[in-house]
Protein backbone atom coordinates (compact mmCIF):
# COMPACT_ATOMS: atom_id res chain seq x y z
CA MET A 1 23.50 -162.46 119.22
CA LYS A 2 20.92 -160.57 121.21
CA VAL A 3 21.41 -156.85 121.81
CA SER A 4 20.98 -155.52 125.33
CA PRO A 5 17.95 -153.25 125.77
CA THR A 6 20.24 -150.61 127.17
CA THR A 7 22.29 -150.45 124.01
CA ALA A 8 19.75 -151.32 121.36
CA ALA A 9 19.22 -148.54 118.87
CA THR A 10 15.83 -147.13 118.07
CA PRO A 11 14.40 -148.98 115.08
CA PRO A 12 14.64 -146.96 111.88
CA THR A 13 11.62 -145.74 109.99
CA GLY A 14 10.23 -147.65 107.07
CA THR A 15 11.51 -144.96 104.71
CA SER A 16 15.11 -145.36 105.93
CA VAL A 17 14.89 -149.14 105.60
CA ARG A 18 13.68 -148.83 102.01
CA LYS A 19 16.43 -146.34 101.23
CA VAL A 20 19.09 -148.68 102.58
CA ALA A 21 17.56 -151.64 100.70
CA ILE A 22 17.59 -149.78 97.39
CA ALA A 23 21.12 -148.44 97.95
CA SER A 24 22.37 -151.96 98.78
CA CYS A 25 20.74 -153.39 95.66
CA ILE A 26 22.31 -150.73 93.43
CA GLY A 27 25.69 -151.21 95.09
CA THR A 28 25.80 -154.98 94.65
CA THR A 29 24.49 -154.64 91.09
CA ILE A 30 27.42 -152.42 90.19
CA GLU A 31 30.10 -154.42 91.99
CA PHE A 32 28.88 -157.73 90.60
CA TYR A 33 28.50 -156.25 87.12
CA ASP A 34 32.23 -155.52 87.25
CA PHE A 35 32.87 -159.04 88.51
CA PHE A 36 30.62 -160.75 85.93
CA ILE A 37 31.83 -158.99 82.81
CA TYR A 38 35.18 -160.58 83.55
CA GLY A 39 33.56 -164.03 83.54
CA THR A 40 31.84 -163.34 80.22
CA ALA A 41 35.06 -162.01 78.72
CA ALA A 42 37.03 -164.96 80.11
CA ALA A 43 34.69 -167.30 78.23
CA LEU A 44 34.42 -165.37 74.97
CA VAL A 45 37.44 -163.11 74.47
CA PHE A 46 40.41 -163.51 76.82
CA PRO A 47 41.76 -166.81 75.39
CA LYS A 48 42.42 -164.99 72.11
CA VAL A 49 43.44 -161.62 73.55
CA PHE A 50 45.72 -162.65 76.42
CA PHE A 51 46.58 -166.31 75.73
CA PRO A 52 46.77 -166.58 71.91
CA ALA A 53 49.82 -168.87 71.90
CA LEU A 54 48.20 -171.60 74.00
CA GLY A 55 45.55 -172.81 71.60
CA SER A 56 41.83 -173.19 72.21
CA THR A 57 41.65 -175.66 75.12
CA ALA A 58 44.76 -174.50 76.98
CA GLY A 59 43.82 -170.87 76.38
CA THR A 60 40.38 -171.49 77.87
CA VAL A 61 41.89 -173.23 80.91
CA ALA A 62 44.35 -170.35 81.40
CA SER A 63 41.56 -167.81 81.02
CA PHE A 64 39.43 -169.54 83.65
CA ALA A 65 42.49 -169.84 85.88
CA THR A 66 42.65 -166.03 85.96
CA PHE A 67 38.91 -166.09 86.65
CA ALA A 68 39.53 -168.39 89.64
CA VAL A 69 42.21 -166.08 91.06
CA ALA A 70 39.45 -163.76 92.29
CA PHE A 71 38.01 -166.51 94.47
CA ILE A 72 41.38 -167.01 96.16
CA ALA A 73 41.46 -163.27 96.83
CA ARG A 74 37.92 -163.13 98.22
CA PRO A 75 38.64 -164.62 101.69
CA VAL A 76 41.63 -162.27 102.00
CA GLY A 77 39.36 -159.33 101.21
CA ALA A 78 36.78 -160.67 103.64
CA VAL A 79 39.36 -160.63 106.46
CA LEU A 80 40.73 -157.16 105.75
CA PHE A 81 37.48 -155.37 104.89
CA GLY A 82 35.69 -157.38 107.57
CA HIS A 83 38.13 -156.05 110.14
CA TYR A 84 37.44 -152.45 109.19
CA GLY A 85 33.73 -153.10 108.70
CA ASP A 86 33.55 -154.38 112.29
CA ARG A 87 35.74 -151.55 113.57
CA ILE A 88 34.92 -148.34 111.67
CA GLY A 89 31.55 -149.26 110.18
CA ARG A 90 29.75 -150.96 107.30
CA LYS A 91 29.19 -147.81 105.25
CA LYS A 92 32.80 -146.55 105.09
CA THR A 93 34.08 -150.00 104.23
CA LEU A 94 31.56 -150.46 101.42
CA VAL A 95 32.63 -147.18 99.85
CA SER A 96 36.21 -148.54 99.78
CA THR A 97 35.21 -151.86 98.16
CA LEU A 98 33.23 -150.02 95.46
CA LEU A 99 36.13 -147.72 94.57
CA LEU A 100 38.65 -150.59 94.44
CA MET A 101 36.40 -152.69 92.23
CA GLY A 102 35.76 -149.77 89.87
CA LEU A 103 39.46 -148.98 89.52
CA CYS A 104 40.47 -152.59 88.78
CA THR A 105 37.69 -153.00 86.21
CA LEU A 106 38.60 -149.75 84.45
CA LEU A 107 42.25 -150.80 84.24
CA ILE A 108 41.30 -154.19 82.75
CA GLY A 109 39.44 -152.30 80.04
CA LEU A 110 42.60 -150.30 79.30
CA LEU A 111 45.04 -153.25 79.44
CA PRO A 112 46.98 -153.87 76.19
CA SER A 113 46.80 -157.34 74.65
CA ALA A 114 49.51 -160.03 74.73
CA ASP A 115 50.37 -159.16 71.13
CA SER A 116 51.26 -155.63 72.28
CA ILE A 117 53.15 -156.12 75.55
CA GLY A 118 53.79 -159.85 75.63
CA VAL A 119 53.75 -161.85 78.85
CA ALA A 120 53.23 -158.71 80.92
CA ALA A 121 49.60 -158.60 79.74
CA PRO A 122 48.38 -161.83 81.41
CA ILE A 123 50.46 -161.06 84.53
CA ILE A 124 48.83 -157.65 84.95
CA LEU A 125 45.46 -159.24 84.19
CA VAL A 126 45.92 -161.68 87.07
CA LEU A 127 46.86 -158.85 89.45
CA LEU A 128 43.80 -156.81 88.47
CA ARG A 129 41.56 -159.85 88.79
CA PHE A 130 42.99 -160.43 92.25
CA GLY A 131 42.01 -156.84 93.05
CA GLN A 132 38.46 -157.50 91.86
CA GLY A 133 38.18 -160.57 94.06
CA PHE A 134 39.68 -158.68 96.99
CA ALA A 135 36.98 -156.00 96.65
CA VAL A 136 34.09 -158.45 96.26
CA GLY A 137 35.37 -160.31 99.32
CA GLY A 138 34.47 -157.27 101.39
CA GLU A 139 31.36 -156.25 99.44
CA TRP A 140 28.81 -158.99 100.01
CA ALA A 141 28.95 -159.18 103.80
CA GLY A 142 28.79 -155.41 104.18
CA ALA A 143 25.85 -154.99 101.80
CA THR A 144 23.81 -157.74 103.44
CA LEU A 145 24.64 -156.48 106.93
CA LEU A 146 23.33 -153.03 106.03
CA THR A 147 19.90 -154.39 105.16
CA ALA A 148 19.76 -157.21 107.73
CA GLU A 149 20.71 -154.93 110.61
CA TYR A 150 18.15 -152.32 109.54
CA ALA A 151 15.32 -154.80 108.90
CA PRO A 152 12.35 -155.00 111.29
CA PRO A 153 11.63 -158.31 113.10
CA GLY A 154 10.06 -160.98 110.93
CA LYS A 155 11.07 -159.26 107.67
CA ARG A 156 14.80 -159.83 107.61
CA GLY A 157 14.57 -162.23 104.66
CA LEU A 158 12.53 -159.65 102.74
CA TYR A 159 14.92 -156.75 103.24
CA ALA A 160 18.13 -158.79 103.03
CA MET A 161 16.84 -159.94 99.63
CA PHE A 162 17.63 -156.57 98.05
CA PRO A 163 21.43 -156.90 97.88
CA GLN A 164 20.87 -160.52 96.82
CA ILE A 165 18.99 -159.58 93.64
CA GLY A 166 21.82 -157.24 92.64
CA PRO A 167 23.71 -160.11 90.94
CA ALA A 168 20.64 -160.90 88.81
CA PHE A 169 20.53 -157.33 87.52
CA ALA A 170 24.31 -157.38 87.15
CA PHE A 171 24.31 -160.54 85.03
CA MET A 172 21.55 -159.13 82.81
CA LEU A 173 23.52 -155.93 82.41
CA SER A 174 26.86 -157.62 81.73
CA SER A 175 25.37 -160.01 79.16
CA SER A 176 23.44 -157.16 77.54
CA THR A 177 26.49 -154.93 77.16
CA PHE A 178 28.44 -157.71 75.45
CA LEU A 179 25.44 -158.57 73.29
CA ILE A 180 24.90 -154.96 72.19
CA THR A 181 28.62 -154.33 71.65
CA GLY A 182 28.92 -157.49 69.55
CA ALA A 183 25.81 -156.59 67.53
CA VAL A 184 27.07 -153.08 66.78
CA LEU A 185 30.65 -154.03 65.94
CA GLY A 186 29.98 -157.46 64.45
CA ASP A 187 30.07 -160.58 66.55
CA ALA A 188 33.11 -162.15 64.86
CA ASN A 189 34.68 -158.84 63.82
CA GLN A 190 38.34 -158.24 64.64
CA THR A 191 37.29 -154.83 65.92
CA PHE A 192 35.38 -156.53 68.72
CA LEU A 193 38.42 -158.61 69.70
CA THR A 194 40.74 -155.59 69.47
CA TRP A 195 38.79 -152.99 71.44
CA GLY A 196 35.05 -153.67 71.38
CA TRP A 197 35.18 -156.04 74.36
CA ARG A 198 36.68 -153.18 76.40
CA ILE A 199 33.51 -151.07 76.28
CA PRO A 200 31.65 -152.99 79.06
CA PHE A 201 34.70 -152.58 81.31
CA LEU A 202 35.06 -148.86 80.63
CA PHE A 203 31.31 -148.32 81.06
CA SER A 204 31.60 -149.54 84.65
CA ILE A 205 33.12 -146.22 85.76
CA VAL A 206 29.74 -144.55 85.14
CA LEU A 207 28.00 -147.15 87.29
CA VAL A 208 30.58 -146.74 90.06
CA GLY A 209 29.80 -143.03 90.21
CA ILE A 210 26.10 -143.82 90.70
CA GLY A 211 26.84 -146.41 93.37
CA LEU A 212 29.18 -144.07 95.22
CA TYR A 213 26.49 -141.38 95.35
CA MET A 214 23.98 -143.87 96.77
CA ARG A 215 26.32 -145.25 99.41
CA LEU A 216 27.40 -141.86 100.68
CA ALA A 217 23.73 -140.95 101.19
CA ILE A 218 22.96 -143.70 103.73
CA GLU A 219 23.71 -143.83 107.45
CA GLU A 220 25.50 -146.43 109.54
CA THR A 221 23.29 -149.21 110.92
CA PRO A 222 21.70 -148.77 114.38
CA VAL A 223 23.00 -152.19 115.45
CA PHE A 224 26.61 -151.20 114.68
CA ARG A 225 26.22 -147.83 116.40
CA ALA A 226 24.88 -149.58 119.52
CA ASN A 227 27.81 -151.99 119.48
CA GLN A 228 30.26 -149.10 119.14
CA ALA A 229 28.64 -147.31 122.06
CA ALA A 230 28.98 -150.45 124.18
CA ARG A 231 32.66 -150.74 123.25
CA VAL A 232 33.32 -147.12 124.18
CA ALA A 233 31.56 -147.73 127.50
CA GLY A 234 33.84 -150.69 128.14
CA GLN A 235 31.24 -153.41 127.51
CA GLY A 236 32.59 -154.70 124.21
CA ALA A 237 35.45 -157.10 123.55
CA PRO A 238 38.58 -155.40 122.10
CA GLY A 239 39.93 -158.43 120.22
CA LEU A 240 40.62 -158.67 116.48
CA PRO A 241 37.41 -159.61 114.60
CA PHE A 242 39.18 -162.34 112.59
CA LEU A 243 40.60 -164.05 115.66
CA GLU A 244 37.37 -163.64 117.61
CA ALA A 245 35.32 -165.19 114.80
CA TRP A 246 37.61 -168.23 114.57
CA LYS A 247 37.86 -168.55 118.34
CA HIS A 248 34.16 -168.35 119.15
CA GLN A 249 32.35 -169.54 116.02
CA PRO A 250 34.59 -171.73 113.81
CA ARG A 251 31.76 -174.24 113.40
CA GLU A 252 29.47 -171.60 111.90
CA ILE A 253 32.19 -170.41 109.49
CA LEU A 254 32.92 -173.93 108.21
CA LEU A 255 29.29 -175.04 108.03
CA SER A 256 28.26 -171.91 106.12
CA ALA A 257 31.14 -172.44 103.69
CA GLY A 258 30.06 -176.00 102.99
CA ALA A 259 26.36 -175.16 102.85
CA LEU A 260 26.90 -172.40 100.26
CA ALA A 261 29.42 -174.26 98.09
CA THR A 262 26.67 -175.48 95.75
CA LEU A 263 25.33 -171.96 95.41
CA PHE A 264 28.67 -170.82 93.98
CA SER A 265 29.28 -173.89 91.84
CA PHE A 266 25.89 -173.63 90.15
CA PHE A 267 26.14 -169.92 89.57
CA TYR A 268 29.61 -169.77 88.05
CA MET A 269 29.14 -172.96 86.08
CA GLY A 270 25.78 -171.66 84.89
CA THR A 271 27.20 -168.33 83.82
CA ALA A 272 30.90 -168.35 82.95
CA TYR A 273 31.50 -172.03 82.11
CA LEU A 274 28.28 -172.73 80.23
CA THR A 275 28.85 -169.55 78.20
CA SER A 276 32.11 -171.10 77.04
CA TYR A 277 30.61 -174.60 76.67
CA GLY A 278 27.72 -173.31 74.60
CA THR A 279 29.86 -171.36 72.15
CA LYS A 280 32.93 -173.61 71.86
CA THR A 281 31.74 -177.16 72.53
CA LEU A 282 28.14 -177.01 71.32
CA GLY A 283 28.80 -174.46 68.59
CA PHE A 284 26.02 -171.99 69.40
CA SER A 285 26.40 -168.37 68.39
CA ARG A 286 27.54 -165.82 70.93
CA PRO A 287 24.33 -163.74 70.67
CA PHE A 288 22.19 -166.83 71.34
CA VAL A 289 24.18 -167.83 74.41
CA LEU A 290 24.15 -164.29 75.80
CA THR A 291 20.40 -163.98 75.19
CA VAL A 292 19.80 -167.22 77.08
CA GLY A 293 21.88 -165.79 79.93
CA ILE A 294 19.72 -162.67 80.09
CA GLY A 295 16.55 -164.77 80.27
CA ALA A 296 18.07 -167.03 82.92
CA ALA A 297 19.01 -163.98 84.99
CA ALA A 298 15.35 -162.96 85.08
CA VAL A 299 14.42 -166.45 86.27
CA PHE A 300 17.00 -166.66 89.03
CA GLY A 301 16.13 -163.11 90.12
CA ALA A 302 12.52 -164.25 90.59
CA ALA A 303 13.73 -167.37 92.44
CA ILE A 304 15.81 -165.20 94.79
CA ILE A 305 12.79 -163.06 95.65
CA ALA A 306 10.50 -166.05 96.22
CA SER A 307 12.97 -168.02 98.34
CA ALA A 308 13.89 -165.00 100.46
CA LEU A 309 10.22 -164.36 101.23
CA TYR A 310 9.55 -168.01 102.01
CA SER A 311 12.58 -168.12 104.31
CA ASP A 312 10.81 -165.62 106.59
CA ARG A 313 7.95 -168.11 106.90
CA LEU A 314 9.60 -171.53 106.62
CA GLY A 315 13.11 -170.77 107.86
CA ARG A 316 16.46 -170.32 106.09
CA ARG A 317 17.57 -173.91 106.68
CA ARG A 318 14.57 -175.56 104.99
CA VAL A 319 14.93 -173.45 101.86
CA LEU A 320 18.65 -174.21 101.61
CA LEU A 321 18.03 -177.93 102.08
CA ALA A 322 15.47 -177.90 99.26
CA SER A 323 17.85 -176.17 96.86
CA SER A 324 20.79 -178.46 97.70
CA GLY A 325 18.63 -181.58 97.30
CA LEU A 326 17.46 -180.38 93.88
CA ALA A 327 21.06 -179.64 92.96
CA VAL A 328 22.22 -183.23 93.56
CA ALA A 329 19.73 -184.63 91.05
CA TRP A 330 20.03 -181.81 88.51
CA ALA A 331 23.84 -181.91 88.43
CA LEU A 332 23.78 -185.50 87.13
CA ALA A 333 21.16 -184.70 84.48
CA LEU A 334 22.62 -181.40 83.25
CA PHE A 335 25.38 -182.40 80.84
CA PRO A 336 23.59 -185.36 79.22
CA LEU A 337 20.81 -182.84 78.50
CA LEU A 338 23.22 -180.25 77.11
CA ASP A 339 25.03 -182.79 74.95
CA THR A 340 21.89 -183.48 72.94
CA GLY A 341 22.97 -180.32 71.12
CA SER A 342 19.49 -178.83 71.13
CA ARG A 343 19.07 -175.08 71.56
CA ALA A 344 16.03 -175.70 73.76
CA ALA A 345 18.02 -178.15 75.91
CA PHE A 346 20.81 -175.61 76.36
CA ALA A 347 18.36 -172.88 77.34
CA LEU A 348 16.61 -175.22 79.79
CA GLY A 349 19.96 -176.31 81.25
CA VAL A 350 21.12 -172.76 81.94
CA ILE A 351 17.74 -171.60 83.27
CA VAL A 352 17.23 -174.52 85.68
CA THR A 353 20.85 -174.37 86.90
CA LEU A 354 20.56 -170.69 87.71
CA GLY A 355 17.05 -171.15 89.09
CA ILE A 356 18.37 -173.64 91.66
CA PHE A 357 21.12 -171.16 92.49
CA GLY A 358 18.45 -168.48 93.03
CA ILE A 359 16.55 -170.66 95.49
CA ALA A 360 19.72 -171.06 97.56
CA TYR A 361 20.83 -167.45 97.26
CA GLY A 362 17.63 -165.79 98.47
CA PRO A 363 17.89 -166.71 102.19
CA CYS A 364 21.66 -166.15 102.48
CA GLY A 365 21.46 -162.40 102.92
CA ALA A 366 19.61 -162.95 106.20
CA LEU A 367 21.16 -166.29 107.20
CA LEU A 368 24.82 -165.36 107.53
CA PRO A 369 24.32 -162.10 109.48
CA GLU A 370 22.04 -164.05 111.84
CA MET A 371 24.76 -166.63 112.49
CA PHE A 372 27.40 -164.27 113.91
CA ARG A 373 27.71 -161.82 116.80
CA THR A 374 27.68 -158.11 116.04
CA ARG A 375 31.28 -157.36 117.03
CA TYR A 376 32.68 -159.67 114.34
CA ARG A 377 29.62 -160.19 112.15
CA TYR A 378 31.12 -158.54 109.04
CA THR A 379 34.22 -160.74 109.30
CA GLY A 380 32.43 -163.99 110.16
CA ALA A 381 29.76 -163.67 107.49
CA GLY A 382 32.33 -162.63 104.90
CA LEU A 383 34.62 -165.55 105.73
CA GLY A 384 31.89 -168.18 105.49
CA TYR A 385 30.57 -166.75 102.23
CA ASN A 386 33.93 -166.34 100.53
CA LEU A 387 35.38 -169.69 101.65
CA ALA A 388 32.33 -171.18 99.94
CA GLY A 389 33.36 -169.14 96.90
CA VAL A 390 36.78 -170.80 96.83
CA LEU A 391 35.29 -174.28 97.11
CA GLY A 392 32.36 -173.86 94.75
CA GLY A 393 33.30 -170.91 92.56
CA ALA A 394 37.02 -171.33 91.93
CA VAL A 395 37.48 -175.08 91.61
CA PRO A 396 34.69 -176.26 89.24
CA PRO A 397 35.23 -173.72 86.40
CA LEU A 398 38.99 -174.27 86.62
CA ILE A 399 38.95 -178.07 86.33
CA ALA A 400 35.78 -178.49 84.25
CA ALA A 401 37.48 -178.27 80.85
CA PRO A 402 40.24 -180.82 81.59
CA LEU A 403 37.73 -183.08 83.38
CA SER A 404 35.45 -183.05 80.36
CA GLU A 405 38.32 -183.73 77.98
CA ALA A 406 39.60 -186.67 80.06
CA PHE A 407 36.38 -188.35 81.22
CA GLY A 408 33.54 -186.77 79.27
CA SER A 409 31.12 -184.06 80.35
CA ILE A 410 29.34 -186.36 82.83
CA ALA A 411 32.40 -186.01 85.09
CA ILE A 412 31.51 -182.35 85.58
CA GLY A 413 28.04 -183.38 86.70
CA VAL A 414 29.50 -185.84 89.22
CA LEU A 415 31.72 -183.08 90.61
CA LEU A 416 28.74 -180.73 91.00
CA ALA A 417 26.63 -183.49 92.59
CA GLY A 418 29.40 -184.16 95.12
CA LEU A 419 29.51 -180.50 96.10
CA ALA A 420 25.71 -180.48 96.40
CA ALA A 421 25.83 -183.52 98.70
CA LEU A 422 28.35 -181.67 100.88
CA SER A 423 25.96 -178.71 101.04
CA VAL A 424 23.09 -180.97 102.10
CA ALA A 425 25.19 -182.40 104.96
CA CYS A 426 26.40 -178.98 106.16
CA THR A 427 22.94 -177.41 105.97
CA TRP A 428 21.48 -180.35 107.89
CA ALA A 429 24.01 -179.72 110.68
CA MET A 430 23.09 -176.01 110.94
CA VAL A 431 20.53 -174.57 113.36
CA GLU A 432 17.61 -172.39 112.30
CA THR A 433 18.32 -168.66 112.66
CA LYS A 434 15.26 -166.77 111.42
CA ASP A 435 14.10 -165.84 114.93
CA GLU A 436 17.49 -164.56 116.10
CA ILE A 437 17.64 -160.97 117.39
CA LEU A 438 20.55 -159.05 115.89
């Protein structure tokens, strides 16, 4: 993981580091906005628009099944974009992920309903959602590598925090656009179900333009340029990044996937599933649930910042262990609290769930780049992160509704607690990385 003094690049200036940090934050905000508006729509709109013949419960399950498709696509995207990110550079690859995400999101906003084109509508929806997941699979690793590889020693947690807080801004923005659109058109109005929900998807094209401008303005990382120079000089390994990562560091890939599973399960349960649970099971209004989500996004954004900063002092591993330990206990308490039916209990449930997610998410932007060697760092970090997404992000939202119907809501808490226990075990088996030299 250490770079030879003969190939190490000159450290960038503070101005260039700040520029990269801001560009990474804006980029992840835009990409995750596109990703999150789908989750909000899957909870509030898609069962009626694309699965009207299935009824409420089956329509919700089908809607979240399309939501889960993206998590299956994410490891595939991590392999492909990771390959090019490790071969041609982080910057060029990130431009590609942004354009693909923007195109898929725009097309979802233009997709006719099932009443108009029949079964073709949900089929196309699944394909476009796969495209979103494919793009996000390559986004996260590249954005965090940009900041982590630019960051000065001792401040990697601080600078790698910037792409990490992008999802907080993205969730605020996605919830706000649905809230404003519903308020203007009428929350239960047929106009909203017909075309109003499309506005947040179409609006994303404006954000993509901003993100593209920012990404084209930054330079490739010094660490990658040094690695490329070594390869040209015959010092680097010519193997495929995917095969190299699995050959040399399979333990790190699997441990990172298990350690981050709780992070994904708490985030997507706390956003997409609890949005559905609050409106359909508990009977709260859509504006109330969305407003709670906006407030919770502010809380988990603050938790991301605090945990990232503390990880530079205490270490990544300790912070992750603390969040996973909290998650075990909170998972078992969450649904009994929610089922009291109180507005305050629902708000507390969403805020604490996402707060625990934020504690785990803060150190990850530095942790995963530190775990892998430069020549396959994009691929290795992306694989670990996105395999965790399959385990924690795809499975719980997909099976939560049938689990709750069959065994009661406490079964969802047991599932989340089991994933959290897995994360504790995997994090315990990891080594501390904060002092690694990239």
